[in-house]
Amino acid sequence: MNFDFSELSATNAFKLLSSVVVPRPIAWVVSQSAQGQRNAAPFSFFNVVSSDPPIVALGIGPRGGQLKDTSRNILETGEFVINLVSAELAAQMNHTSLDYVADVDELTRAGLATEPSRVVAPPRIALSPAALECRVWQVLDAAPQRVIVLARVVALYLRDDALLDAQRFHVDTPALRLLGRMHGAGWYAHTSDLFQMRAPDAANDPAVRPAQGH
């Protein structure tokens, strides 16, 4: 079956997209207001979109027709931290998805300790195996009270045991035991079912012509 998105409601478009674009990495965002009130919430419309410059994209929908606390904090301060979610932190991540009022600190409610960030004001979650410190690069208004944030990664924390070779920047990604978001309410995936497939060598394919010099 084919779907014309011009004929679909936003709800049905979400159902289709979130069911086939999987698994999606989870951005466990820690932000804070201009007054220093902390907030933590998970989002799965997230990915890295460039390495030069290092840019990530984060989509944040509305809550009850209003900006979510995360959106408001990011727009106010221009800074936030994306914590990656390991399997051990699944329950606490899920806890922070509750719809708290703005003055409730989700980190405290979920029993999560924090560590200071190196560059930005919001802290990182101490037990998260990796965290990206981000500054807003560009904000796109996608729909009423819905924002798409493009942010530059200005610093990265990585748990020591997940770094195989610091000189060569080799990371033991499986050791992070990260979770991904799947289809529908409450479905997640472990990123541990892996296989390796080398890129083909064009030199061994007679149908591929070598590039011509100039």
Protein backbone atom coordinates (compact mmCIF):
# COMPACT_ATOMS: atom_id res chain seq x y z
CA MET A 1 0.00 0.00 0.00
CA ASN A 2 1.17 3.51 -0.82
CA PHE A 3 0.55 6.51 1.43
CA ASP A 4 0.28 10.13 0.31
CA PHE A 5 1.33 12.18 3.33
CA SER A 6 -0.65 15.18 2.11
CA GLU A 7 -3.75 13.13 2.86
CA LEU A 8 -2.68 11.92 6.31
CA SER A 9 -3.23 13.39 9.75
CA ALA A 10 -0.16 14.14 11.85
CA THR A 11 -1.09 11.24 14.12
CA ASN A 12 -1.18 8.72 11.30
CA ALA A 13 2.02 10.09 9.76
CA PHE A 14 3.71 9.58 13.13
CA LYS A 15 2.47 6.00 13.35
CA LEU A 16 3.93 5.15 9.96
CA LEU A 17 7.26 6.94 10.37
CA SER A 18 7.92 5.71 13.90
CA SER A 19 7.13 2.14 12.85
CA VAL A 20 9.51 1.91 9.91
CA VAL A 21 12.39 4.22 10.88
CA VAL A 22 13.81 1.92 13.54
CA PRO A 23 15.70 1.53 15.71
CA ARG A 24 16.11 5.20 16.57
CA PRO A 25 18.76 6.37 19.04
CA ILE A 26 17.38 7.89 22.23
CA ALA A 27 18.38 11.41 23.21
CA TRP A 28 18.01 11.64 26.96
CA VAL A 29 18.11 15.41 27.16
CA VAL A 30 19.14 17.33 30.24
CA SER A 31 18.39 21.04 30.00
CA GLN A 32 17.84 23.85 32.43
CA SER A 33 15.95 27.10 32.48
CA ALA A 34 17.54 30.53 32.61
CA GLN A 35 16.87 30.39 36.37
CA GLY A 36 18.68 27.05 36.70
CA GLN A 37 15.67 24.73 37.03
CA ARG A 38 16.77 21.33 35.67
CA ASN A 39 14.76 19.09 33.35
CA ALA A 40 15.36 15.63 31.90
CA ALA A 41 13.33 13.90 29.20
CA PRO A 42 13.90 11.25 26.49
CA PHE A 43 13.32 11.86 22.78
CA SER A 44 13.67 9.44 19.87
CA PHE A 45 13.40 11.84 16.94
CA PHE A 46 17.15 12.33 17.11
CA ASN A 47 20.32 11.59 15.19
CA VAL A 48 23.74 12.90 14.18
CA VAL A 49 23.53 14.57 10.76
CA SER A 50 27.04 15.95 10.23
CA SER A 51 30.55 15.47 11.57
CA ASP A 52 32.09 18.60 10.04
CA PRO A 53 30.72 20.63 11.67
CA PRO A 54 29.54 18.15 14.33
CA ILE A 55 25.77 18.63 14.20
CA VAL A 56 22.92 16.66 15.75
CA ALA A 57 19.21 17.05 15.03
CA LEU A 58 16.55 16.82 17.72
CA GLY A 59 12.80 16.97 17.09
CA ILE A 60 10.60 18.00 20.03
CA GLY A 61 6.83 17.93 19.79
CA PRO A 62 4.35 19.95 21.86
CA ARG A 63 2.66 19.00 25.11
CA GLY A 64 -0.99 19.94 25.33
CA GLY A 65 -0.53 22.43 22.53
CA GLN A 66 2.31 24.19 24.38
CA LEU A 67 6.08 24.04 24.25
CA LYS A 68 7.57 21.24 26.30
CA ASP A 69 9.89 22.24 29.13
CA THR A 70 12.85 20.92 27.14
CA SER A 71 11.97 23.13 24.16
CA ARG A 72 11.50 26.17 26.36
CA ASN A 73 14.79 25.64 28.14
CA ILE A 74 16.73 25.12 24.92
CA LEU A 75 15.23 28.22 23.33
CA GLU A 76 15.97 30.27 26.47
CA THR A 77 19.55 29.16 27.06
CA GLY A 78 20.79 27.63 23.80
CA GLU A 79 22.42 24.72 25.63
CA PHE A 80 21.63 21.13 26.54
CA VAL A 81 23.21 17.70 27.04
CA ILE A 82 22.20 14.55 25.18
CA ASN A 83 22.85 11.49 27.31
CA LEU A 84 22.83 8.08 25.62
CA VAL A 85 20.74 5.39 27.29
CA SER A 86 22.32 2.09 28.30
CA ALA A 87 20.28 -0.99 29.13
CA GLU A 88 20.97 -0.53 32.83
CA LEU A 89 19.29 2.89 32.77
CA ALA A 90 16.11 1.86 30.93
CA ALA A 91 13.76 2.13 33.92
CA GLN A 92 15.11 5.52 35.01
CA MET A 93 14.93 6.86 31.46
CA ASN A 94 11.33 5.70 31.26
CA HIS A 95 10.57 7.38 34.59
CA THR A 96 11.72 10.75 33.27
CA SER A 97 9.19 10.55 30.44
CA LEU A 98 6.40 11.26 32.95
CA ASP A 99 4.53 14.50 32.34
CA TYR A 100 5.77 16.51 35.32
CA VAL A 101 5.09 20.21 35.84
CA ALA A 102 7.99 22.53 35.08
CA ASP A 103 9.25 22.99 38.64
CA VAL A 104 9.75 19.23 39.23
CA ASP A 105 13.33 18.00 38.81
CA GLU A 106 13.02 14.71 36.90
CA LEU A 107 16.60 13.81 37.73
CA THR A 108 15.86 13.90 41.45
CA ARG A 109 12.58 12.02 41.04
CA ALA A 110 14.33 9.23 39.11
CA GLY A 111 17.22 9.05 41.56
CA LEU A 112 19.81 10.10 39.00
CA ALA A 113 23.10 11.64 40.06
CA THR A 114 24.76 14.16 37.76
CA GLU A 115 28.24 15.36 36.93
CA PRO A 116 29.19 18.86 35.74
CA SER A 117 29.60 19.32 32.01
CA ARG A 118 32.91 20.64 30.69
CA VAL A 119 31.58 23.37 28.40
CA VAL A 120 27.83 23.90 28.81
CA ALA A 121 25.82 24.76 31.93
CA PRO A 122 23.41 21.76 32.13
CA PRO A 123 24.98 18.72 33.79
CA ARG A 124 25.27 15.23 32.34
CA ILE A 125 23.73 12.11 33.86
CA ALA A 126 26.57 10.46 35.79
CA LEU A 127 25.73 6.86 34.87
CA SER A 128 25.14 7.50 31.18
CA PRO A 129 28.01 5.86 29.25
CA ALA A 130 28.23 8.73 26.75
CA ALA A 131 27.00 12.30 26.68
CA LEU A 132 27.06 15.04 24.05
CA GLU A 133 27.30 18.65 25.21
CA CYS A 134 25.37 20.75 22.71
CA ARG A 135 24.85 24.38 21.75
CA VAL A 136 22.04 25.47 19.45
CA TRP A 137 23.16 26.03 15.87
CA GLN A 138 19.76 26.58 14.26
CA VAL A 139 16.11 26.16 15.25
CA LEU A 140 13.41 25.30 12.73
CA ASP A 141 9.73 25.91 13.49
CA ALA A 142 8.17 22.74 12.10
CA ALA A 143 4.57 23.33 13.30
CA PRO A 144 2.83 25.18 16.14
CA GLN A 145 4.85 24.58 19.33
CA ARG A 146 6.93 21.90 17.58
CA VAL A 147 10.63 22.60 17.06
CA ILE A 148 13.51 20.94 15.27
CA VAL A 149 16.82 21.83 16.88
CA LEU A 150 20.09 21.59 15.00
CA ALA A 151 22.89 21.77 17.55
CA ARG A 152 26.66 21.75 17.44
CA VAL A 153 28.36 19.18 19.65
CA VAL A 154 30.96 21.13 21.64
CA ALA A 155 32.17 18.34 23.94
CA LEU A 156 31.69 14.62 24.47
CA TYR A 157 31.97 12.43 27.55
CA LEU A 158 32.72 8.72 27.07
CA ARG A 159 33.05 6.17 29.85
CA ASP A 160 36.70 5.13 30.14
CA ASP A 161 36.16 1.40 29.68
CA ALA A 162 34.40 2.01 26.35
CA LEU A 163 37.47 3.69 24.82
CA LEU A 164 39.64 1.09 23.10
CA ASP A 165 42.36 3.40 21.81
CA ALA A 166 42.40 7.06 22.82
CA GLN A 167 45.11 7.96 20.31
CA ARG A 168 43.08 6.58 17.39
CA PHE A 169 39.62 7.49 18.80
CA HIS A 170 38.44 3.88 18.62
CA VAL A 171 35.32 3.21 20.69
CA ASP A 172 34.04 -0.15 21.97
CA THR A 173 30.47 0.62 20.90
CA PRO A 174 28.96 -2.75 21.95
CA ALA A 175 30.28 -2.15 25.48
CA LEU A 176 27.96 0.86 25.77
CA ARG A 177 24.91 -1.48 25.62
CA LEU A 178 22.76 1.29 24.19
CA LEU A 179 19.02 1.06 23.68
CA GLY A 180 17.07 2.08 20.57
CA ARG A 181 13.47 3.13 20.19
CA MET A 182 11.19 0.88 18.17
CA HIS A 183 7.58 1.02 16.95
CA GLY A 184 4.56 1.81 19.11
CA ALA A 185 4.20 2.61 22.77
CA GLY A 186 6.79 1.07 25.05
CA TRP A 187 8.85 -0.86 22.48
CA TYR A 188 12.65 -0.71 22.60
CA ALA A 189 15.59 -2.65 21.17
CA HIS A 190 19.00 -3.69 22.42
CA THR A 191 21.82 -2.76 20.04
CA SER A 192 23.67 -6.02 20.63
CA ASP A 193 22.50 -8.18 17.69
CA LEU A 194 25.33 -7.23 15.34
CA PHE A 195 26.94 -8.46 12.14
CA GLN A 196 29.74 -7.03 10.04
CA MET A 197 29.68 -6.60 6.28
CA ARG A 198 32.67 -5.06 4.56
CA ALA A 199 32.15 -2.47 1.85
CA PRO A 200 32.67 -3.96 -1.63
CA ASP A 201 35.91 -3.28 -3.44
CA ALA A 202 35.18 -1.57 -6.75
CA ALA A 203 38.48 -2.81 -8.15
CA ASN A 204 37.08 -6.36 -8.11
CA ASP A 205 33.92 -5.45 -10.02
CA PRO A 206 34.51 -5.23 -13.80
CA ALA A 207 31.25 -3.30 -14.24
CA VAL A 208 32.66 -0.35 -12.26
CA ARG A 209 34.80 1.97 -14.31
CA PRO A 210 37.77 3.59 -12.57
CA ALA A 211 37.58 7.33 -12.04
CA GLN A 212 39.28 9.31 -14.77
CA GLY A 213 42.06 11.71 -13.81
CA HIS A 214 42.01 15.35 -14.85
